[in-house]
Amino acid sequence: MKQKSKVGGMLMLGSLRSAGITTYMRNGKVITRVAQSFQKRSNTRYQFIQRQRMRHTISLWKKLKYCNVMFTQRPVAYQNFASLANRLPAVFFSWRCRDVTFLIPGIPISDGSLPTINQYLGEVDGVPALLTDFKKTDLDFHDTLRLYTAEQKCGEFPEIEFSMRELSFRELTLVDGRFVLKGEEFADNLKGWALVRVNRDRCSPQGIVTRCTFYEQYTTEEAMQKAAKEYGGLTETNITHFL
């Protein structure tokens, strides 16, 4: 069956991919072009890194989207998340690994119009803690706080488990006028956290803070070369000849 579609100002009449034939109309004339590719799909170093980065971004979103996250700075939440997550370091892993995820500092948890809460891990009176620069005077009547937790599982197929719970302000401690959340769990090197301020349909932009370094072994040149080899190796160019 002849197919019609509009592509770049041309009326595409049909395509026989197995024969390498494409037929289209331009300026009232029907043009037939034969395309033969003499190389496999291009997989330059840059392309491979970007594909691996996007693959990890998609896997992260599959895990995170069920945790009542807020990404409100773009019409589509996933696009908002992906624009931020694609800035993370690329991690390289086997094509056999389905939806693996790695706990990386800065994984975006929310994006909104409220001010960011700067937060980091430390200690208060000898107790591990999540410290912030969020002051009591910053509070609004409609504010709520959500604590997101990410835990790295280091099995054959590494993955993160995300969870979220709403905090009571009574769980927080004031240190020098700033809110702090204390607990032994904040000493766990396979976990990460993000404290998100929510006010009705607005939220603060936050990313994961963690001491986890498990992901680093998947960011090396050796890891990249090993993964690329499984995809058929890296290429430099992709030449297509039109006859």
Protein backbone atom coordinates (compact mmCIF):
# COMPACT_ATOMS: atom_id res chain seq x y z
CA MET A 1 0.00 0.00 0.00
CA LYS A 2 1.30 3.42 -0.93
CA GLN A 3 2.00 5.57 2.13
CA LYS A 4 1.87 9.35 2.24
CA SER A 5 3.45 11.62 4.83
CA LYS A 6 4.81 15.15 4.99
CA VAL A 7 8.57 15.29 5.71
CA GLY A 8 10.58 18.51 5.60
CA GLY A 9 8.30 20.15 3.03
CA MET A 10 8.26 17.04 0.80
CA LEU A 11 5.29 14.72 0.24
CA MET A 12 6.60 11.28 1.02
CA LEU A 13 4.79 8.76 -1.19
CA GLY A 14 6.33 5.53 -0.01
CA SER A 15 9.38 3.62 1.07
CA LEU A 16 10.74 0.15 0.39
CA ARG A 17 13.37 -0.07 3.08
CA SER A 18 14.40 -3.62 2.28
CA ALA A 19 15.26 -2.49 -1.25
CA GLY A 20 16.66 0.84 -0.15
CA ILE A 21 14.16 2.83 -2.23
CA THR A 22 12.39 6.04 -1.19
CA THR A 23 9.86 7.87 -3.39
CA TYR A 24 8.74 11.45 -2.73
CA MET A 25 7.23 14.45 -4.49
CA ARG A 26 8.95 17.84 -4.70
CA ASN A 27 7.69 20.81 -6.74
CA GLY A 28 5.13 18.60 -8.44
CA LYS A 29 7.67 16.01 -9.55
CA VAL A 30 7.96 12.44 -8.30
CA ILE A 31 11.52 11.60 -7.35
CA THR A 32 12.84 8.12 -6.62
CA ARG A 33 16.07 7.76 -4.69
CA VAL A 34 18.05 4.63 -3.92
CA ALA A 35 20.02 4.68 -0.68
CA GLN A 36 22.68 2.17 0.18
CA SER A 37 24.45 2.25 3.54
CA PHE A 38 27.88 0.66 3.58
CA GLN A 39 28.37 0.93 7.32
CA LYS A 40 26.57 -0.22 10.41
CA ARG A 41 24.76 2.26 12.63
CA SER A 42 27.07 5.09 13.64
CA ASN A 43 28.37 4.71 17.17
CA THR A 44 30.99 7.38 17.73
CA ARG A 45 32.35 7.97 21.20
CA TYR A 46 30.11 11.01 21.67
CA GLN A 47 27.02 9.18 20.39
CA PHE A 48 27.67 6.18 22.60
CA ILE A 49 28.12 8.32 25.71
CA GLN A 50 24.89 10.20 24.98
CA ARG A 51 22.97 6.97 24.36
CA GLN A 52 24.21 5.45 27.60
CA ARG A 53 23.35 8.63 29.48
CA MET A 54 19.83 8.69 28.03
CA ARG A 55 19.38 4.99 28.73
CA HIS A 56 20.16 5.59 32.40
CA THR A 57 17.90 8.66 32.51
CA ILE A 58 14.97 6.61 31.22
CA SER A 59 15.64 3.86 33.77
CA LEU A 60 15.81 6.39 36.61
CA TRP A 61 12.47 7.88 35.62
CA LYS A 62 10.80 4.46 35.54
CA LYS A 63 11.80 4.05 39.19
CA LEU A 64 11.17 7.60 40.38
CA LYS A 65 7.87 8.48 38.74
CA TYR A 66 5.87 6.38 41.20
CA CYS A 67 7.08 8.42 44.21
CA ASN A 68 4.76 11.39 43.79
CA VAL A 69 7.48 13.62 42.37
CA MET A 70 6.90 17.18 41.17
CA PHE A 71 8.53 18.52 38.00
CA THR A 72 6.56 21.64 37.11
CA GLN A 73 8.92 23.75 35.01
CA ARG A 74 7.97 22.13 31.71
CA PRO A 75 4.59 20.94 30.38
CA VAL A 76 5.68 17.28 30.56
CA ALA A 77 7.21 16.07 33.83
CA TYR A 78 9.49 13.51 32.15
CA GLN A 79 10.96 16.14 29.81
CA ASN A 80 11.64 18.36 32.82
CA PHE A 81 13.33 15.47 34.64
CA ALA A 82 15.34 14.35 31.60
CA SER A 83 16.70 17.85 30.90
CA LEU A 84 18.23 17.78 34.39
CA ALA A 85 19.21 14.10 34.62
CA ASN A 86 21.10 14.22 31.33
CA ARG A 87 23.64 16.47 33.05
CA LEU A 88 24.67 13.64 35.37
CA PRO A 89 27.89 11.68 34.71
CA ALA A 90 27.42 8.95 32.12
CA VAL A 91 27.46 5.40 33.46
CA PHE A 92 28.41 2.49 31.21
CA PHE A 93 26.98 -0.99 31.52
CA SER A 94 26.14 -4.08 29.51
CA TRP A 95 23.29 -4.13 27.02
CA ARG A 96 22.11 -7.25 28.87
CA CYS A 97 21.31 -5.17 31.96
CA ARG A 98 17.70 -4.08 31.84
CA ASP A 99 16.75 -0.86 33.63
CA VAL A 100 19.79 -0.74 35.90
CA THR A 101 20.09 2.43 37.99
CA PHE A 102 22.95 3.96 39.96
CA LEU A 103 22.87 6.29 42.94
CA ILE A 104 24.66 9.42 41.75
CA PRO A 105 24.91 12.71 43.67
CA GLY A 106 22.55 15.27 42.16
CA ILE A 107 19.88 12.94 40.75
CA PRO A 108 16.98 15.37 40.25
CA ILE A 109 14.05 14.72 42.57
CA SER A 110 11.96 17.84 41.95
CA ASP A 111 11.89 21.05 39.96
CA GLY A 112 9.72 24.04 40.75
CA SER A 113 9.50 27.76 41.44
CA LEU A 114 10.25 27.80 45.18
CA PRO A 115 13.82 28.55 46.33
CA THR A 116 16.20 25.59 46.46
CA ILE A 117 16.98 24.24 49.93
CA ASN A 118 20.75 23.77 50.13
CA GLN A 119 21.43 20.54 52.00
CA TYR A 120 24.35 18.30 52.81
CA LEU A 121 25.33 15.40 55.05
CA GLY A 122 27.16 15.91 58.31
CA GLU A 123 26.79 15.48 62.08
CA VAL A 124 25.05 17.26 64.91
CA ASP A 125 26.20 16.46 68.44
CA GLY A 126 27.89 13.32 67.13
CA VAL A 127 24.73 12.10 65.37
CA PRO A 128 24.60 11.75 61.56
CA ALA A 129 22.32 14.36 60.05
CA LEU A 130 20.92 15.95 56.94
CA LEU A 131 21.72 19.65 57.34
CA THR A 132 19.95 22.44 55.48
CA ASP A 133 19.93 26.22 55.12
CA PHE A 134 16.13 26.27 55.47
CA LYS A 135 15.16 28.68 58.25
CA LYS A 136 12.07 28.78 60.41
CA THR A 137 11.45 32.29 59.13
CA ASP A 138 11.29 30.88 55.57
CA LEU A 139 8.19 28.85 56.43
CA ASP A 140 4.82 29.61 54.89
CA PHE A 141 1.51 28.48 56.38
CA HIS A 142 0.87 26.09 53.47
CA ASP A 143 4.34 24.52 53.45
CA THR A 144 4.84 20.77 53.74
CA LEU A 145 8.10 18.82 53.55
CA ARG A 146 8.74 15.58 51.71
CA LEU A 147 11.77 13.43 52.37
CA TYR A 148 12.81 11.30 49.40
CA THR A 149 15.16 8.39 50.03
CA ALA A 150 17.17 6.49 47.42
CA GLU A 151 18.87 3.21 48.29
CA GLN A 152 21.44 1.52 46.05
CA LYS A 153 21.08 -2.23 45.61
CA CYS A 154 24.35 -3.75 44.44
CA GLY A 155 23.28 -7.11 43.01
CA GLU A 156 23.99 -8.58 39.59
CA PHE A 157 21.78 -5.85 38.11
CA PRO A 158 22.30 -2.73 40.26
CA GLU A 159 19.20 -0.68 40.93
CA ILE A 160 17.89 2.10 43.14
CA GLU A 161 14.83 1.84 45.33
CA PHE A 162 13.13 5.21 45.80
CA SER A 163 10.69 6.06 48.56
CA MET A 164 9.01 9.20 49.90
CA ARG A 165 7.36 10.22 53.12
CA GLU A 166 5.94 13.48 54.38
CA LEU A 167 7.78 14.90 57.36
CA SER A 168 6.31 16.42 60.47
CA PHE A 169 8.10 19.62 61.45
CA ARG A 170 8.39 18.07 64.91
CA GLU A 171 10.91 15.61 63.45
CA LEU A 172 13.26 18.47 62.64
CA THR A 173 15.79 20.14 64.90
CA LEU A 174 16.82 23.78 64.73
CA VAL A 175 20.57 24.37 64.72
CA ASP A 176 21.66 27.99 64.48
CA GLY A 177 18.18 28.82 63.22
CA ARG A 178 18.30 26.23 60.39
CA PHE A 179 16.39 22.97 60.09
CA VAL A 180 18.30 19.72 60.55
CA LEU A 181 17.09 16.14 60.34
CA LYS A 182 19.05 13.78 62.60
CA GLY A 183 19.26 9.99 62.48
CA GLU A 184 21.67 7.06 62.19
CA GLU A 185 20.39 6.31 58.69
CA PHE A 186 22.21 9.39 57.39
CA ALA A 187 25.51 7.53 57.89
CA ASP A 188 24.52 4.88 55.32
CA ASN A 189 26.90 5.08 52.33
CA LEU A 190 24.43 3.29 50.04
CA LYS A 191 21.61 5.77 50.58
CA GLY A 192 20.83 9.29 49.45
CA TRP A 193 18.21 11.89 50.36
CA ALA A 194 16.44 15.00 49.17
CA LEU A 195 14.27 17.24 51.32
CA VAL A 196 11.65 18.95 49.13
CA ARG A 197 9.55 21.91 50.18
CA VAL A 198 6.01 21.84 48.77
CA ASN A 199 3.50 24.67 48.85
CA ARG A 200 0.28 23.67 47.10
CA ASP A 201 1.26 23.25 43.42
CA ARG A 202 4.76 24.65 43.86
CA CYS A 203 7.95 22.97 45.05
CA SER A 204 11.66 23.58 45.52
CA PRO A 205 14.16 22.23 42.95
CA GLN A 206 16.15 19.48 44.69
CA GLY A 207 18.67 16.77 43.91
CA ILE A 208 19.92 13.77 45.85
CA VAL A 209 22.74 14.21 48.37
CA THR A 210 24.71 11.04 49.08
CA ARG A 211 28.07 9.63 50.06
CA CYS A 212 27.59 6.67 47.72
CA THR A 213 30.51 6.01 45.38
CA PHE A 214 29.38 2.64 44.01
CA TYR A 215 28.53 4.21 40.62
CA GLU A 216 32.08 5.48 40.04
CA GLN A 217 33.38 2.12 38.80
CA TYR A 218 30.88 2.43 35.92
CA THR A 219 32.12 5.85 34.79
CA THR A 220 35.71 4.93 33.90
CA GLU A 221 37.31 4.71 30.47
CA GLU A 222 37.65 0.96 30.99
CA ALA A 223 33.93 0.63 31.72
CA MET A 224 33.10 2.68 28.64
CA GLN A 225 35.31 0.62 26.32
CA LYS A 226 33.96 -2.64 27.73
CA ALA A 227 30.35 -1.57 27.25
CA ALA A 228 31.00 -0.17 23.77
CA LYS A 229 32.57 -3.46 22.70
CA GLU A 230 29.33 -5.25 23.52
CA TYR A 231 27.54 -2.86 21.16
CA GLY A 232 29.93 -3.65 18.34
CA GLY A 233 32.63 -1.12 19.16
CA LEU A 234 32.99 2.57 18.43
CA THR A 235 32.94 4.08 14.95
CA GLU A 236 34.25 7.40 13.69
CA THR A 237 32.02 8.11 10.69
CA ASN A 238 28.90 6.84 9.02
CA ILE A 239 28.95 7.31 5.25
CA THR A 240 25.77 6.90 3.22
CA HIS A 241 26.03 6.95 -0.58
CA PHE A 242 23.04 8.06 -2.62
CA LEU A 243 22.92 6.66 -6.13
